[in-house]
Amino acid sequence: MINHNFAVFILTHGRADKVITYNTLRKCGYTGKIFLLVDSFDKQIERYKELYDEQVIVFDKQKAIDMTDSGDNQQKHNSVVYARNYNFIVAKELGIDYFLQLDDDYYYFGYRILIDDKNSKGKTIRNFDDVCNSVINYLSTSKIKSICFAQGGDFIGGVGILSKFLKGELSRKIMNSFFFATDSPVKFMGRINEDVNLYAANGLKGDVFITNPLIQVDQDDTQANSGGLTEIYLDLGTYVKSFYSVMYAPSCVKIHVMGVNQRRIHHRVSWNNAVPKILNQSLKK
């Protein structure tokens, strides 16, 4: 059972018949509230309501656009950034104290278990209520703005951020899954790469965002699932996507090439320039 006034919001657009995350949450043992956050421009609103009834929340997308810094003068607004920001208003109107914000294409939530120094394995979560309670307890007793789960890509090539975590190092990025306190809102910015823009630009100001590498989420490949953000990535490519973050945090984000056999443009964050550090007491004069 969920011990808090808590809900999961699934942000979705144009995929009423393919909200994968909903069924995944239930299969993982989540028994709490789920709302589908759908924008007023969506042509499938009635289909969403047919399938999910009162769990569907339709928000005024024009209001969301007006309150968001898109970072450009594009006339197309097929971006999740508007729903991300308006989610706080909806949660407050519903009287929700804490919420988890998810996209609609997650097919896996699992624990990440360390086997040895180089290997780890995943185990599907069956008690998602307990996971949410634990994260909210931590969030409610700290000044952290948001906590998220790791992604499958974080473990490519070995134990990745899990090994660093067990050595006491926290990953200050957040992507894809966001636990928030309703009364401690953040402002996402940029039509694309809004998650990186958030933790880079706001991290510079001292806001703390962390990834919990003990929990992992996996989702469909971005450009393999029609609707949603897919069209943006196909239209603009990864260079423009990454450059939004350079624009918002030029002192710590740059463009670079990643990959071995299939190299591609991506952003790189210089963490020494990105977030304030707490100095060891031994350095105090």
Foldseek 3Di string as FASTA:
>chain_A
DAPFLEEEEAEDAPCLVQLQVVVLCVQLADDDHYAYEYEPVGPCVVSNCVVPNPSYDYDHQVVLVVVAAALDDDPDQLFCLSVQQCVLVVCVVVVRFKYKYAYRFWNFKWFWADDDLFAIDTDGHNHVSVVVNVVVVVVVVDQAAWEAEAEPVCQPRTNHVVNVVVVPDWDQAHDGMIMGGSVRDFRFHHRAPRRLLRSQLVQLVAHGYTYDHRMYIYGDDLCVDPGRCNVVCVVPNAVVRQVSSCVSHVQFKDWDWDDDPDIGIHIDGRVVRGHDDDDDPVPPD
